[in-house]
Each structure stands twice: as structure tokens, then as C-alpha cells.
Amino acid sequence: MSKTKQGGSSRLGRDSAAQRLGVKISAGQAVKTGMIIIRQRGTKFLLGKNVKKGSDDTIYSMANGVVKFTSKTKKLFNGTRRTAKVVSVELATKTK
């Protein structure tokens, strides 16, 4: 006689695919219009010049140029302050 019950297939073990969030283009790299710079949930990174935010909080470029990251102090609703990272695209200068 068996000590344990019959082993069946488990109902566990399913997992969803990773969301692949994070910085896609580093500071100093060149971008073209429409390229994704950061995939995020919420506003971990704030918008600077020449970038826009998609409906899923993705930050993408609105002009050809070079990615630049800066930081600034942001005041929250409860009066405290936090240092926020700002993403912007510096326009590419035309050389003759």
C-alpha cells in the first residue's frame, strides 16, 4: 500500500512573460524620432525637452539627437522632496 496519494499533474507552474522594462538607450547615444528611450510603469523618470510619454508611461524621442539624463528636486504632495531623474534629447547640430 502506498504511503502517499497518487501524484497528478500540478495546477501550478504557469508564469507570465517578463515585461522587459528599463532604460533602452543610454546617455550620450544618438536617437531618431520615435525611438523608445525608457519603458517604465509610473513616472520613475520625468520628461525633459524633445521627449513624450506614451499611454503605458513609455518615454520616446520626438526629435533626432542625443539622449541626456539630468536630475532635479521635485516637491511631492505631502511636502517632502525627492530627487527625480529627467530624460531629454539634445538636438543634433548640423555640421557643414
C-alpha atoms as a PDB file:
ATOM      1  CA  MET A   1       0.000   0.000   0.000  1.00  0.00           C
ATOM      2  CA  SER A   2       1.246   3.454  -0.870  1.00  0.00           C
ATOM      3  CA  LYS A   3       2.281   5.906   1.813  1.00  0.00           C
ATOM      4  CA  THR A   4       1.117   8.973  -0.227  1.00  0.00           C
ATOM      5  CA  LYS A   5      -1.766   9.638  -2.563  1.00  0.00           C
ATOM      6  CA  GLN A   6      -1.391   9.330  -6.285  1.00  0.00           C
ATOM      7  CA  GLY A   7       0.719  12.114  -7.811  1.00  0.00           C
ATOM      8  CA  GLY A   8      -1.114  14.001 -10.535  1.00  0.00           C
ATOM      9  CA  SER A   9      -0.158  16.883 -12.743  1.00  0.00           C
ATOM     10  CA  SER A  10       0.290  20.109 -10.852  1.00  0.00           C
ATOM     11  CA  ARG A  11      -2.028  23.046 -11.493  1.00  0.00           C
ATOM     12  CA  LEU A  12       0.827  25.432 -10.724  1.00  0.00           C
ATOM     13  CA  GLY A  13       3.827  26.314 -12.842  1.00  0.00           C
ATOM     14  CA  ARG A  14       2.343  28.897 -15.194  1.00  0.00           C
ATOM     15  CA  ASP A  15       4.121  32.205 -15.380  1.00  0.00           C
ATOM     16  CA  SER A  16       3.629  35.343 -17.428  1.00  0.00           C
ATOM     17  CA  ALA A  17       6.247  36.706 -19.791  1.00  0.00           C
ATOM     18  CA  ALA A  18       8.627  39.342 -18.417  1.00  0.00           C
ATOM     19  CA  GLN A  19       7.719  42.934 -19.242  1.00  0.00           C
ATOM     20  CA  ARG A  20      11.263  43.950 -20.264  1.00  0.00           C
ATOM     21  CA  LEU A  21      11.156  47.363 -18.608  1.00  0.00           C
ATOM     22  CA  GLY A  22      14.063  49.759 -18.112  1.00  0.00           C
ATOM     23  CA  VAL A  23      16.406  52.082 -19.941  1.00  0.00           C
ATOM     24  CA  LYS A  24      16.774  51.091 -23.593  1.00  0.00           C
ATOM     25  CA  ILE A  25      19.128  53.875 -24.751  1.00  0.00           C
ATOM     26  CA  SER A  26      21.916  55.203 -22.527  1.00  0.00           C
ATOM     27  CA  ALA A  27      23.095  58.787 -22.080  1.00  0.00           C
ATOM     28  CA  GLY A  28      25.166  60.072 -24.980  1.00  0.00           C
ATOM     29  CA  GLN A  29      23.687  57.688 -27.553  1.00  0.00           C
ATOM     30  CA  ALA A  30      22.064  59.028 -30.710  1.00  0.00           C
ATOM     31  CA  VAL A  31      18.311  58.585 -31.220  1.00  0.00           C
ATOM     32  CA  LYS A  32      15.912  59.151 -34.083  1.00  0.00           C
ATOM     33  CA  THR A  33      12.338  60.404 -33.859  1.00  0.00           C
ATOM     34  CA  GLY A  34      10.005  57.822 -32.322  1.00  0.00           C
ATOM     35  CA  MET A  35      12.686  55.609 -30.762  1.00  0.00           C
ATOM     36  CA  ILE A  36      11.894  54.258 -27.288  1.00  0.00           C
ATOM     37  CA  ILE A  37      14.279  55.543 -24.624  1.00  0.00           C
ATOM     38  CA  ILE A  38      12.732  54.094 -21.434  1.00  0.00           C
ATOM     39  CA  ARG A  39       9.979  51.546 -20.732  1.00  0.00           C
ATOM     40  CA  GLN A  40       8.521  52.142 -17.269  1.00  0.00           C
ATOM     41  CA  ARG A  41       5.458  51.729 -15.076  1.00  0.00           C
ATOM     42  CA  GLY A  42       4.539  55.017 -13.447  1.00  0.00           C
ATOM     43  CA  THR A  43       6.710  58.107 -13.770  1.00  0.00           C
ATOM     44  CA  LYS A  44      10.041  56.953 -12.360  1.00  0.00           C
ATOM     45  CA  PHE A  45      11.750  59.140 -14.976  1.00  0.00           C
ATOM     46  CA  LEU A  46      10.365  62.592 -15.768  1.00  0.00           C
ATOM     47  CA  LEU A  47      10.053  64.206 -19.205  1.00  0.00           C
ATOM     48  CA  GLY A  48      12.523  66.790 -20.447  1.00  0.00           C
ATOM     49  CA  LYS A  49      12.852  68.503 -23.820  1.00  0.00           C
ATOM     50  CA  ASN A  50      12.049  66.689 -27.073  1.00  0.00           C
ATOM     51  CA  VAL A  51      10.550  63.600 -25.432  1.00  0.00           C
ATOM     52  CA  LYS A  52       6.948  62.445 -24.944  1.00  0.00           C
ATOM     53  CA  LYS A  53       5.205  59.859 -22.795  1.00  0.00           C
ATOM     54  CA  GLY A  54       3.081  57.043 -24.211  1.00  0.00           C
ATOM     55  CA  SER A  55      -0.115  55.671 -22.666  1.00  0.00           C
ATOM     56  CA  ASP A  56       1.871  52.977 -20.815  1.00  0.00           C
ATOM     57  CA  ASP A  57       4.361  55.605 -19.458  1.00  0.00           C
ATOM     58  CA  THR A  58       6.976  54.742 -22.105  1.00  0.00           C
ATOM     59  CA  ILE A  59       9.289  57.667 -22.860  1.00  0.00           C
ATOM     60  CA  TYR A  60      10.185  58.116 -26.532  1.00  0.00           C
ATOM     61  CA  SER A  61      12.071  60.638 -28.635  1.00  0.00           C
ATOM     62  CA  MET A  62      10.352  63.417 -30.572  1.00  0.00           C
ATOM     63  CA  ALA A  63      13.450  64.607 -32.441  1.00  0.00           C
ATOM     64  CA  ASN A  64      16.765  63.373 -33.770  1.00  0.00           C
ATOM     65  CA  GLY A  65      19.547  63.993 -31.291  1.00  0.00           C
ATOM     66  CA  VAL A  66      21.480  62.673 -28.290  1.00  0.00           C
ATOM     67  CA  VAL A  67      19.948  61.357 -25.046  1.00  0.00           C
ATOM     68  CA  LYS A  68      20.764  63.309 -21.882  1.00  0.00           C
ATOM     69  CA  PHE A  69      19.944  62.399 -18.268  1.00  0.00           C
ATOM     70  CA  THR A  70      19.817  65.039 -15.524  1.00  0.00           C
ATOM     71  CA  SER A  71      18.380  65.148 -12.027  1.00  0.00           C
ATOM     72  CA  LYS A  72      16.249  67.717 -10.285  1.00  0.00           C
ATOM     73  CA  THR A  73      14.478  68.057  -6.958  1.00  0.00           C
ATOM     74  CA  LYS A  74      10.739  67.552  -7.107  1.00  0.00           C
ATOM     75  CA  LYS A  75       8.314  68.562  -4.354  1.00  0.00           C
ATOM     76  CA  LEU A  76       5.703  65.918  -3.532  1.00  0.00           C
ATOM     77  CA  PHE A  77       2.108  66.500  -2.406  1.00  0.00           C
ATOM     78  CA  ASN A  78       2.863  65.778   1.245  1.00  0.00           C
ATOM     79  CA  GLY A  79       5.560  68.470   1.315  1.00  0.00           C
ATOM     80  CA  THR A  80       8.580  66.191   1.124  1.00  0.00           C
ATOM     81  CA  ARG A  81      11.121  66.348  -1.673  1.00  0.00           C
ATOM     82  CA  ARG A  82      12.691  63.668  -3.845  1.00  0.00           C
ATOM     83  CA  THR A  83      15.406  63.661  -6.446  1.00  0.00           C
ATOM     84  CA  ALA A  84      13.900  62.796  -9.811  1.00  0.00           C
ATOM     85  CA  LYS A  85      15.724  61.762 -12.986  1.00  0.00           C
ATOM     86  CA  VAL A  86      14.848  63.799 -16.092  1.00  0.00           C
ATOM     87  CA  VAL A  87      15.272  62.445 -19.630  1.00  0.00           C
ATOM     88  CA  SER A  88      15.722  64.802 -22.564  1.00  0.00           C
ATOM     89  CA  VAL A  89      17.014  64.731 -26.138  1.00  0.00           C
ATOM     90  CA  GLU A  90      19.557  67.357 -27.172  1.00  0.00           C
ATOM     91  CA  LEU A  91      19.080  68.285 -30.825  1.00  0.00           C
ATOM     92  CA  ALA A  92      21.822  67.147 -33.168  1.00  0.00           C
ATOM     93  CA  THR A  93      23.833  70.044 -34.513  1.00  0.00           C
ATOM     94  CA  LYS A  94      24.287  70.152 -38.254  1.00  0.00           C
ATOM     95  CA  THR A  95      27.878  70.275 -39.405  1.00  0.00           C
ATOM     96  CA  LYS A  96      28.791  71.735 -42.791  1.00  0.00           C
END
